[in-house]
């Protein structure tokens, strides 16, 4: 960033601080509205550490953009105009048709375009919360606030307006009014126009492509390490656990020794906030998270459970450190809990293993194993009654879904069935060299047989 420095801090309520590189302009090195926002994310909203980190970065870059934009002659004081510019800045970068946006890209070193999904989802949510908080706290807006800097520098004002700028209440009212005009309905409003247009399509929908291919999972779990590695059996134990019980990634990574009954091969998934977690540092404890599930009991699924217990045995035997202050099963190479590592790094490692096993995907991460579990259990798992697929209520409990709606997304859709039928028919016809005329005649014969059966049934009924 050009105008600010984003720094992680320890020993304060907010885990991130934004430091102005123009202290004389802002009146303070620390940009306080940003600190308030991070505290709001952590203590009011209760977001996970990874989400706080991501949102803090989005908002910090937005503030840097606003600060730089305020130095240009934009001929407007409306925040909405600035938001339209920022959308162009993100989506089109230097290809924008707005010369002001191109100028800002040059000043701020923006070269890469940001994806539509990133803008309309993660960045949208982060900025929406920040703007909402600014509206609520508008009475405390000062001349150091980046929005007030934009408003006061936005266009040439009359003498009376210039005089009124000295009045902090006038300044707060002006900023609040501009923010509210850009963000009127807090339940439905969106920062970006692209988010408003795609409100429905941007809702998270399950895509079959998000599930790791069932037929390739064992190839992944049966990989052989290229060398003796502390990480290999740990990683494979995590992957096989996700495939075997379909838990969320953070649930698997936060598993503790006391949660495993090794003799009876049983596993519990326990909310870390319902018990003490001895041996964690304060910073490590902040990374703990829990989305919620209705049952602690996990029921591992064959054949993935066998892979889990074997990889876990090898990991504990040769690489697990017992001389550490905590009892979390999965550790980093230095013995600290593995759950504190970066999600993108874990997914990158997962994709490298997947590629080595013969499956290459740019987008799939560890969560794809949970999707595989849900799809397999609901549709294909032998149910002991000669059929396939477990009752949806059972799958809901096993996956820890609070609502059955979340489970329904794993049901095979009509298009999946049609594809299966067409593929089967194609193989049959191709193998038997059946002509289209013969296909038609077979259909007619089948219809005749069905009508005969109906006729027989009616006669017997009479």
Protein backbone atom coordinates (compact mmCIF):
# COMPACT_ATOMS: atom_id res chain seq x y z
CA UNK A 1 0.00 0.00 0.00
CA UNK A 2 1.13 3.55 -0.68
CA UNK A 3 -0.35 5.58 2.18
CA UNK A 4 -0.70 3.07 5.04
CA UNK A 5 1.12 0.18 6.67
CA UNK A 6 -0.90 -2.84 7.81
CA UNK A 7 0.66 -4.49 10.87
CA UNK A 8 -0.31 -7.42 13.06
CA UNK A 9 -0.14 -6.55 16.75
CA UNK A 10 0.06 -8.63 19.93
CA UNK A 11 -1.31 -7.73 23.35
CA UNK A 12 -4.17 -5.51 22.17
CA UNK A 13 -7.84 -6.16 21.58
CA UNK A 14 -7.48 -5.64 17.84
CA UNK A 15 -5.11 -8.04 16.09
CA UNK A 16 -4.41 -5.61 13.22
CA UNK A 17 -3.46 -1.96 13.12
CA UNK A 18 -3.33 0.44 10.17
CA UNK A 19 -0.54 2.98 10.44
CA UNK A 20 -0.65 6.16 8.40
CA UNK A 21 2.45 7.09 6.46
CA UNK A 22 1.15 10.68 6.49
CA UNK A 23 0.97 11.27 10.23
CA UNK A 24 0.86 15.02 9.80
CA UNK A 25 -2.30 14.71 7.69
CA UNK A 26 -4.19 12.28 9.89
CA UNK A 27 -3.10 13.71 13.25
CA UNK A 28 -2.13 10.26 14.46
CA UNK A 29 0.06 7.40 13.28
CA UNK A 30 -2.66 4.85 14.08
CA UNK A 31 -5.79 5.05 11.93
CA UNK A 32 -8.38 4.56 14.69
CA UNK A 33 -11.49 3.81 12.57
CA UNK A 34 -9.70 0.76 11.19
CA UNK A 35 -8.81 -0.44 14.70
CA UNK A 36 -12.47 -0.03 15.72
CA UNK A 37 -13.47 -2.12 12.70
CA UNK A 38 -11.09 -4.98 13.54
CA UNK A 39 -12.32 -4.99 17.16
CA UNK A 40 -15.90 -5.09 15.85
CA UNK A 41 -15.07 -8.11 13.67
CA UNK A 42 -13.42 -9.98 16.52
CA UNK A 43 -15.54 -9.15 19.55
CA UNK A 44 -18.95 -8.07 18.26
CA UNK A 45 -19.26 -10.34 15.23
CA UNK A 46 -17.04 -13.10 16.64
CA UNK A 47 -15.47 -13.95 13.30
CA UNK A 48 -12.74 -16.56 13.00
CA UNK A 49 -9.16 -15.38 12.92
CA UNK A 50 -8.74 -16.27 9.22
CA UNK A 51 -11.84 -14.24 8.32
CA UNK A 52 -10.65 -11.26 10.37
CA UNK A 53 -7.27 -11.37 8.61
CA UNK A 54 -8.91 -11.50 5.19
CA UNK A 55 -11.42 -8.71 5.89
CA UNK A 56 -8.76 -6.51 7.47
CA UNK A 57 -6.69 -6.75 4.29
CA UNK A 58 -9.67 -5.90 2.06
CA UNK A 59 -10.58 -2.83 4.11
CA UNK A 60 -6.98 -1.64 4.46
CA UNK A 61 -6.58 -1.61 0.67
CA UNK A 62 -9.93 0.17 0.31
CA UNK A 63 -8.84 2.87 2.75
CA UNK A 64 -5.57 3.29 0.88
CA UNK A 65 -7.58 3.76 -2.34
CA UNK A 66 -9.89 6.35 -0.75
CA UNK A 67 -6.98 8.30 0.67
CA UNK A 68 -5.27 8.43 -2.72
CA UNK A 69 -8.53 9.27 -4.53
CA UNK A 70 -9.08 12.20 -2.18
CA UNK A 71 -5.95 13.84 -3.57
CA UNK A 72 -7.46 13.96 -7.08
CA UNK A 73 -9.91 16.55 -8.37
CA UNK A 74 -12.92 14.21 -8.62
CA UNK A 75 -15.57 16.96 -8.78
CA UNK A 76 -17.85 15.08 -6.38
CA UNK A 77 -18.33 14.45 -2.69
CA UNK A 78 -20.65 11.43 -3.02
CA UNK A 79 -19.28 8.22 -1.57
CA UNK A 80 -21.37 6.29 -4.11
CA UNK A 81 -19.29 7.74 -6.94
CA UNK A 82 -16.16 6.60 -5.15
CA UNK A 83 -17.56 3.08 -4.73
CA UNK A 84 -18.31 2.84 -8.45
CA UNK A 85 -14.74 3.90 -9.11
CA UNK A 86 -13.41 1.29 -6.69
CA UNK A 87 -15.45 -1.42 -8.41
CA UNK A 88 -13.89 -0.43 -11.74
CA UNK A 89 -10.49 -0.30 -10.09
CA UNK A 90 -10.86 -3.87 -8.84
CA UNK A 91 -12.53 -5.48 -11.85
CA UNK A 92 -10.82 -3.74 -14.75
CA UNK A 93 -7.65 -2.17 -13.28
CA UNK A 94 -5.75 -0.37 -16.04
CA UNK A 95 -8.29 -1.46 -18.67
CA UNK A 96 -10.93 0.79 -17.10
CA UNK A 97 -12.51 3.42 -19.35
CA UNK A 98 -12.39 5.90 -16.47
CA UNK A 99 -9.14 7.90 -16.70
CA UNK A 100 -9.28 8.62 -12.94
CA UNK A 101 -9.31 4.87 -12.22
CA UNK A 102 -6.37 4.32 -14.56
CA UNK A 103 -4.51 7.14 -12.81
CA UNK A 104 -5.17 5.54 -9.42
CA UNK A 105 -3.96 2.18 -10.73
CA UNK A 106 -0.71 3.84 -11.75
CA UNK A 107 -0.32 5.57 -8.39
CA UNK A 108 -1.14 2.50 -6.31
CA UNK A 109 0.57 -0.10 -8.51
CA UNK A 110 -2.63 -2.00 -9.33
CA UNK A 111 -1.94 -4.34 -12.24
CA UNK A 112 -3.90 -7.54 -11.77
CA UNK A 113 -7.69 -7.63 -12.14
CA UNK A 114 -9.73 -8.96 -9.23
CA UNK A 115 -12.24 -11.75 -9.96
CA UNK A 116 -15.97 -11.02 -9.96
CA UNK A 117 -16.56 -13.59 -7.20
CA UNK A 118 -13.95 -12.02 -4.94
CA UNK A 119 -15.47 -8.57 -5.41
CA UNK A 120 -19.10 -9.60 -4.95
CA UNK A 121 -18.47 -11.91 -2.00
CA UNK A 122 -15.44 -11.48 0.28
CA UNK A 123 -14.62 -7.85 -0.52
CA UNK A 124 -18.34 -6.94 -0.56
CA UNK A 125 -18.85 -8.36 2.94
CA UNK A 126 -15.73 -6.72 4.35
CA UNK A 127 -16.49 -3.25 3.00
CA UNK A 128 -20.18 -3.51 3.83
CA UNK A 129 -19.36 -4.06 7.49
CA UNK A 130 -16.83 -1.24 7.51
CA UNK A 131 -19.26 1.26 5.97
CA UNK A 132 -22.07 0.18 8.31
CA UNK A 133 -19.79 0.75 11.30
CA UNK A 134 -18.86 4.20 9.99
CA UNK A 135 -22.54 5.13 9.75
CA UNK A 136 -23.16 4.00 13.32
CA UNK A 137 -20.09 5.85 14.63
CA UNK A 138 -20.50 8.92 12.44
CA UNK A 139 -20.85 11.23 15.45
CA UNK A 140 -17.20 10.57 16.27
CA UNK A 141 -15.94 11.21 12.73
CA UNK A 142 -13.02 13.61 12.75
CA UNK A 143 -10.92 15.31 10.11
CA UNK A 144 -8.57 12.33 10.26
CA UNK A 145 -11.28 9.96 9.01
CA UNK A 146 -10.58 8.89 5.45
CA UNK A 147 -14.20 9.45 4.39
CA UNK A 148 -14.15 13.02 5.71
CA UNK A 149 -10.92 13.60 3.80
CA UNK A 150 -12.67 12.54 0.61
CA UNK A 151 -15.75 14.68 1.31
CA UNK A 152 -13.79 17.81 2.11
CA UNK A 153 -11.44 17.40 -0.86
CA UNK A 154 -14.09 16.15 -3.28
CA UNK A 155 -15.04 19.44 -4.93
CA UNK A 156 -14.71 23.23 -4.55
CA UNK A 157 -17.10 24.50 -1.90
CA UNK A 158 -18.71 27.83 -1.17
CA UNK A 159 -17.35 30.11 1.56
CA UNK A 160 -20.11 29.06 3.95
CA UNK A 161 -19.39 25.39 3.33
CA UNK A 162 -15.69 25.92 3.88
CA UNK A 163 -16.48 27.63 7.19
CA UNK A 164 -18.80 24.81 8.18
CA UNK A 165 -16.07 22.23 7.67
CA UNK A 166 -14.53 23.47 10.90
CA UNK A 167 -17.65 22.30 12.72
CA UNK A 168 -17.16 18.60 13.52
CA UNK A 169 -20.92 18.02 13.85
CA UNK A 170 -21.44 19.40 10.33
CA UNK A 171 -18.62 17.20 9.08
CA UNK A 172 -20.06 14.09 10.75
CA UNK A 173 -23.52 14.80 9.35
CA UNK A 174 -22.16 15.32 5.85
CA UNK A 175 -20.17 12.09 5.91
CA UNK A 176 -23.06 10.14 7.42
CA UNK A 177 -25.47 11.46 4.79
CA UNK A 178 -23.13 10.50 1.97
CA UNK A 179 -22.58 7.03 3.43
CA UNK A 180 -26.30 6.42 3.96
CA UNK A 181 -27.13 7.47 0.42
CA UNK A 182 -24.68 4.82 -0.75
CA UNK A 183 -25.85 2.20 1.72
CA UNK A 184 -29.51 2.88 2.48
CA UNK A 185 -31.08 -0.49 3.36
CA UNK A 186 -28.64 -2.27 5.64
CA UNK A 187 -30.42 -5.60 5.15
CA UNK A 188 -30.30 -5.58 1.35
CA UNK A 189 -27.81 -2.87 0.38
CA UNK A 190 -24.62 -3.77 -1.38
CA UNK A 191 -21.43 -1.79 -1.72
CA UNK A 192 -20.93 -2.69 -5.36
CA UNK A 193 -23.49 -2.56 -8.15
CA UNK A 194 -22.27 -5.92 -9.41
CA UNK A 195 -23.18 -7.45 -6.04
CA UNK A 196 -26.70 -6.00 -6.21
CA UNK A 197 -27.23 -7.37 -9.72
CA UNK A 198 -25.99 -10.79 -8.74
CA UNK A 199 -27.45 -10.99 -5.23
CA UNK A 200 -29.18 -14.32 -5.89
CA UNK A 201 -26.47 -15.86 -8.05
CA UNK A 202 -23.81 -14.99 -5.49
CA UNK A 203 -25.46 -17.08 -2.80
CA UNK A 204 -23.29 -20.09 -2.12
CA UNK A 205 -24.55 -22.98 -4.20
CA UNK A 206 -23.16 -26.49 -4.26
CA UNK A 207 -21.55 -27.54 -7.50
CA UNK A 208 -20.74 -31.18 -8.18
CA UNK A 209 -17.34 -29.97 -9.29
CA UNK A 210 -16.59 -28.96 -5.69
CA UNK A 211 -16.51 -32.60 -4.57
CA UNK A 212 -13.32 -34.62 -4.84
CA UNK A 213 -14.01 -37.48 -7.29
CA UNK A 214 -15.07 -40.49 -5.24
CA UNK A 215 -13.27 -42.97 -7.47
CA UNK A 216 -9.95 -41.10 -7.03
CA UNK A 217 -9.89 -40.63 -3.27
CA UNK A 218 -8.18 -43.95 -2.56
CA UNK A 219 -5.49 -43.12 -5.12
CA UNK A 220 -4.75 -40.05 -2.99
CA UNK A 221 -4.77 -41.90 0.33
CA UNK A 222 -2.58 -44.75 -1.01
CA UNK A 223 0.26 -42.49 -2.13
CA UNK A 224 3.74 -43.47 -0.99
CA UNK A 225 6.05 -40.82 0.48
CA UNK A 226 8.99 -39.92 -1.73
CA UNK A 227 11.16 -39.61 1.34
CA UNK A 228 10.83 -39.93 5.10
CA UNK A 229 8.74 -36.89 5.92
CA UNK A 230 7.22 -35.68 9.15
CA UNK A 231 4.37 -34.11 7.22
CA UNK A 232 3.32 -36.93 4.87
CA UNK A 233 1.50 -39.29 7.27
CA UNK A 234 0.10 -36.33 9.19
CA UNK A 235 -1.38 -34.88 5.98
CA UNK A 236 -2.72 -38.25 4.82
CA UNK A 237 -4.28 -38.85 8.24
CA UNK A 238 -6.08 -35.51 7.92
CA UNK A 239 -7.27 -36.22 4.37
CA UNK A 240 -8.49 -39.72 5.21
CA UNK A 241 -10.26 -38.39 8.32
CA UNK A 242 -12.09 -35.78 6.25
CA UNK A 243 -13.10 -38.46 3.74
CA UNK A 244 -14.11 -40.95 6.44
CA UNK A 245 -16.32 -38.74 8.64
CA UNK A 246 -17.06 -35.73 6.41
CA UNK A 247 -16.22 -33.22 9.12
CA UNK A 248 -15.22 -29.62 8.51
CA UNK A 249 -11.51 -28.99 8.14
CA UNK A 250 -11.20 -26.99 11.36
CA UNK A 251 -12.96 -29.79 13.26
CA UNK A 252 -10.36 -32.29 12.06
CA UNK A 253 -7.39 -30.00 12.72
CA UNK A 254 -8.57 -29.24 16.28
CA UNK A 255 -8.79 -32.93 17.22
CA UNK A 256 -7.05 -33.72 20.53
CA UNK A 257 -5.60 -36.93 21.93
CA UNK A 258 -8.42 -37.09 24.50
CA UNK A 259 -10.96 -37.11 21.66
CA UNK A 260 -9.78 -40.45 20.26
CA UNK A 261 -10.56 -43.90 21.65
CA UNK A 262 -7.74 -45.82 19.96
CA UNK A 263 -8.76 -49.22 21.31
CA UNK A 264 -12.33 -49.05 20.00
CA UNK A 265 -11.55 -46.81 17.03
CA UNK A 266 -13.95 -44.07 18.05
CA UNK A 267 -13.68 -40.31 17.48
CA UNK A 268 -15.38 -37.32 19.09
CA UNK A 269 -15.60 -33.85 17.60
CA UNK A 270 -15.77 -31.39 20.51
CA UNK A 271 -16.44 -27.67 20.52
CA UNK A 272 -13.15 -26.16 21.82
CA UNK A 273 -15.05 -23.32 23.48
CA UNK A 274 -16.85 -25.72 25.83
CA UNK A 275 -13.64 -26.86 27.54
CA UNK A 276 -10.18 -25.73 28.54
CA UNK A 277 -7.43 -25.95 25.95
CA UNK A 278 -4.24 -26.12 28.03
CA UNK A 279 -0.88 -25.36 26.48
CA UNK A 280 -2.03 -22.89 23.83
CA UNK A 281 -0.60 -19.40 23.61
CA UNK A 282 -3.05 -16.51 23.54
CA UNK A 283 -2.41 -16.02 19.82
CA UNK A 284 -2.98 -19.72 19.08
CA UNK A 285 -6.22 -19.69 21.06
CA UNK A 286 -7.52 -16.86 18.87
CA UNK A 287 -7.33 -19.13 15.82
CA UNK A 288 -9.68 -21.75 17.33
CA UNK A 289 -13.06 -21.83 15.64
CA UNK A 290 -16.29 -23.80 15.67
CA UNK A 291 -19.15 -23.55 13.22
CA UNK A 292 -21.36 -25.88 15.25
CA UNK A 293 -22.70 -29.42 14.99
CA UNK A 294 -25.51 -31.25 16.79
CA UNK A 295 -23.53 -34.36 17.75
CA UNK A 296 -19.99 -35.02 18.95
CA UNK A 297 -19.93 -38.62 17.78
CA UNK A 298 -18.30 -39.31 14.42
CA UNK A 299 -18.90 -42.59 12.58
CA UNK A 300 -15.99 -43.32 10.19
CA UNK A 301 -16.91 -44.75 6.80
CA UNK A 302 -15.20 -47.69 5.09
CA UNK A 303 -12.74 -47.84 3.35
CA UNK A 304 -11.43 -44.40 4.27
CA UNK A 305 -11.39 -45.19 7.98
CA UNK A 306 -8.77 -47.93 7.49
CA UNK A 307 -6.52 -45.43 5.75
CA UNK A 308 -7.00 -42.98 8.61
CA UNK A 309 -6.05 -45.37 11.40
CA UNK A 310 -2.98 -46.61 9.50
CA UNK A 311 -1.68 -43.13 8.62
CA UNK A 312 -2.41 -41.95 12.16
CA UNK A 313 -0.48 -44.92 13.59
CA UNK A 314 2.58 -44.15 11.46
CA UNK A 315 2.40 -40.44 12.22
CA UNK A 316 2.14 -40.95 16.00
CA UNK A 317 4.82 -43.66 16.00
CA UNK A 318 7.56 -41.77 14.21
CA UNK A 319 6.81 -38.06 14.07
CA UNK A 320 4.39 -36.94 16.80
CA UNK A 321 6.07 -34.87 19.50
CA UNK A 322 5.07 -35.64 23.07
CA UNK A 323 7.31 -33.00 24.69
CA UNK A 324 4.98 -30.10 23.87
CA UNK A 325 2.60 -28.11 26.05
CA UNK A 326 -0.61 -29.12 24.24
CA UNK A 327 -2.33 -32.38 23.20
CA UNK A 328 -3.64 -31.47 19.75
CA UNK A 329 -3.05 -34.44 17.47
CA UNK A 330 -1.90 -32.66 14.36
CA UNK A 331 1.29 -30.63 14.77
CA UNK A 332 3.53 -28.41 12.70
CA UNK A 333 7.15 -29.50 12.24
CA UNK A 334 8.07 -27.44 15.32
CA UNK A 335 5.46 -29.17 17.46
CA UNK A 336 2.96 -26.32 17.62
CA UNK A 337 -0.70 -27.00 16.64
CA UNK A 338 -1.21 -27.42 12.91
CA UNK A 339 -4.56 -25.59 12.96
CA UNK A 340 -2.76 -22.23 13.24
CA UNK A 341 -1.28 -22.61 9.72
CA UNK A 342 -2.56 -20.70 6.71
CA UNK A 343 -5.50 -22.29 4.89
CA UNK A 344 -4.18 -21.40 1.43
CA UNK A 345 -0.87 -23.14 2.24
CA UNK A 346 -2.73 -26.28 3.37
CA UNK A 347 -4.80 -26.31 0.19
CA UNK A 348 -1.71 -25.79 -1.95
CA UNK A 349 -0.07 -28.82 -0.33
CA UNK A 350 -3.29 -30.83 -0.80
CA UNK A 351 -3.38 -30.05 -4.51
CA UNK A 352 0.25 -31.13 -4.92
CA UNK A 353 -0.61 -34.52 -3.37
CA UNK A 354 -3.70 -34.80 -5.57
CA UNK A 355 -1.60 -34.11 -8.66
CA UNK A 356 0.92 -36.76 -7.62
CA UNK A 357 -1.95 -39.27 -7.30
CA UNK A 358 -3.14 -38.60 -10.84
CA UNK A 359 -5.78 -35.91 -10.29
CA UNK A 360 -5.01 -32.30 -11.04
CA UNK A 361 -7.37 -29.50 -10.05
CA UNK A 362 -6.68 -25.81 -9.74
CA UNK A 363 -9.56 -25.01 -7.41
CA UNK A 364 -10.29 -27.95 -5.10
CA UNK A 365 -9.13 -27.80 -1.50
CA UNK A 366 -9.47 -29.97 1.59
CA UNK A 367 -13.16 -29.08 1.90
CA UNK A 368 -13.81 -31.03 -1.33
CA UNK A 369 -13.41 -34.23 0.71
CA UNK A 370 -16.35 -33.20 2.89
CA UNK A 371 -18.40 -32.57 -0.26
CA UNK A 372 -17.41 -36.02 -1.53
CA UNK A 373 -18.52 -37.59 1.76
CA UNK A 374 -21.94 -35.91 1.69
CA UNK A 375 -22.58 -36.76 -1.95
CA UNK A 376 -21.49 -40.39 -1.52
CA UNK A 377 -23.36 -41.01 1.72
CA UNK A 378 -26.64 -39.51 0.51
CA UNK A 379 -26.71 -41.14 -2.92
CA UNK A 380 -24.41 -44.14 -3.28
CA UNK A 381 -23.63 -45.68 0.11
CA UNK A 382 -25.14 -49.22 0.42
CA UNK A 383 -27.94 -48.91 2.96
CA UNK A 384 -28.28 -52.60 3.89
CA UNK A 385 -31.74 -52.87 2.31
CA UNK A 386 -30.58 -53.66 -1.18
CA UNK A 387 -30.56 -50.00 -2.12
CA UNK A 388 -28.21 -47.07 -2.04
CA UNK A 389 -28.09 -43.84 -0.12
CA UNK A 390 -28.72 -43.16 3.55
CA UNK A 391 -31.80 -41.25 4.79
CA UNK A 392 -31.19 -37.54 4.54
CA UNK A 393 -31.88 -37.03 8.26
CA UNK A 394 -29.02 -39.41 9.11
CA UNK A 395 -26.65 -37.67 6.74
CA UNK A 396 -27.62 -34.33 8.26
CA UNK A 397 -26.61 -35.51 11.74
CA UNK A 398 -23.40 -37.15 10.58
CA UNK A 399 -22.28 -33.98 8.80
CA UNK A 400 -23.28 -31.72 11.68
CA UNK A 401 -25.69 -29.60 9.65
CA UNK A 402 -28.00 -27.42 11.73
CA UNK A 403 -30.50 -27.30 8.85
CA UNK A 404 -31.50 -30.12 6.51
CA UNK A 405 -31.42 -27.58 3.68
CA UNK A 406 -27.63 -27.72 3.84
CA UNK A 407 -27.76 -31.49 3.37
CA UNK A 408 -30.20 -31.44 0.45
CA UNK A 409 -27.61 -29.82 -1.79
CA UNK A 410 -25.78 -33.15 -1.98
CA UNK A 411 -28.73 -35.00 -3.52
CA UNK A 412 -28.21 -36.09 -7.13
CA UNK A 413 -29.93 -33.62 -9.44
CA UNK A 414 -32.08 -34.63 -12.43
CA UNK A 415 -29.29 -33.68 -14.81
CA UNK A 416 -26.92 -36.09 -13.07
CA UNK A 417 -29.43 -38.91 -13.53
CA UNK A 418 -29.99 -38.00 -17.17
CA UNK A 419 -26.26 -38.02 -17.81
CA UNK A 420 -25.99 -41.44 -16.20
CA UNK A 421 -28.88 -42.82 -18.25
CA UNK A 422 -27.50 -41.44 -21.51
CA UNK A 423 -24.02 -42.75 -20.77
CA UNK A 424 -25.38 -46.23 -19.96
CA UNK A 425 -27.58 -46.28 -23.07
CA UNK A 426 -24.70 -45.15 -25.26
CA UNK A 427 -22.45 -47.90 -23.96
CA UNK A 428 -25.16 -50.52 -24.44
CA UNK A 429 -26.07 -49.45 -27.96
CA UNK A 430 -22.47 -49.01 -29.02
CA UNK A 431 -21.50 -52.41 -27.66
CA UNK A 432 -24.37 -54.19 -29.40
CA UNK A 433 -24.23 -52.14 -32.63
CA UNK A 434 -27.93 -51.33 -32.28
CA UNK A 435 -29.39 -49.07 -34.98
CA UNK A 436 -31.78 -46.21 -34.26
CA UNK A 437 -34.58 -48.21 -35.92
CA UNK A 438 -33.96 -51.10 -33.53
CA UNK A 439 -33.96 -48.71 -30.56
CA UNK A 440 -37.35 -47.41 -31.70
CA UNK A 441 -38.74 -50.94 -32.15
CA UNK A 442 -37.51 -51.99 -28.71
CA UNK A 443 -39.26 -49.02 -27.17
CA UNK A 444 -42.52 -49.90 -28.93
CA UNK A 445 -42.22 -53.55 -27.86
CA UNK A 446 -41.62 -52.45 -24.24
CA UNK A 447 -44.71 -50.24 -24.36
CA UNK A 448 -46.81 -53.12 -25.70
CA UNK A 449 -45.60 -55.40 -22.91
CA UNK A 450 -46.40 -52.74 -20.33
CA UNK A 451 -49.95 -52.34 -21.73
CA UNK A 452 -50.45 -56.13 -21.66
CA UNK A 453 -49.38 -56.21 -18.01
CA UNK A 454 -51.82 -53.41 -17.20
CA UNK A 455 -54.62 -55.26 -19.00
CA UNK A 456 -53.89 -58.48 -17.06
CA UNK A 457 -53.92 -56.58 -13.82
CA UNK A 458 -57.28 -54.99 -14.58
CA UNK A 459 -58.86 -58.36 -15.48
CA UNK A 460 -57.56 -59.95 -12.25
CA UNK A 461 -58.85 -57.01 -10.25
CA UNK A 462 -62.35 -57.44 -11.73
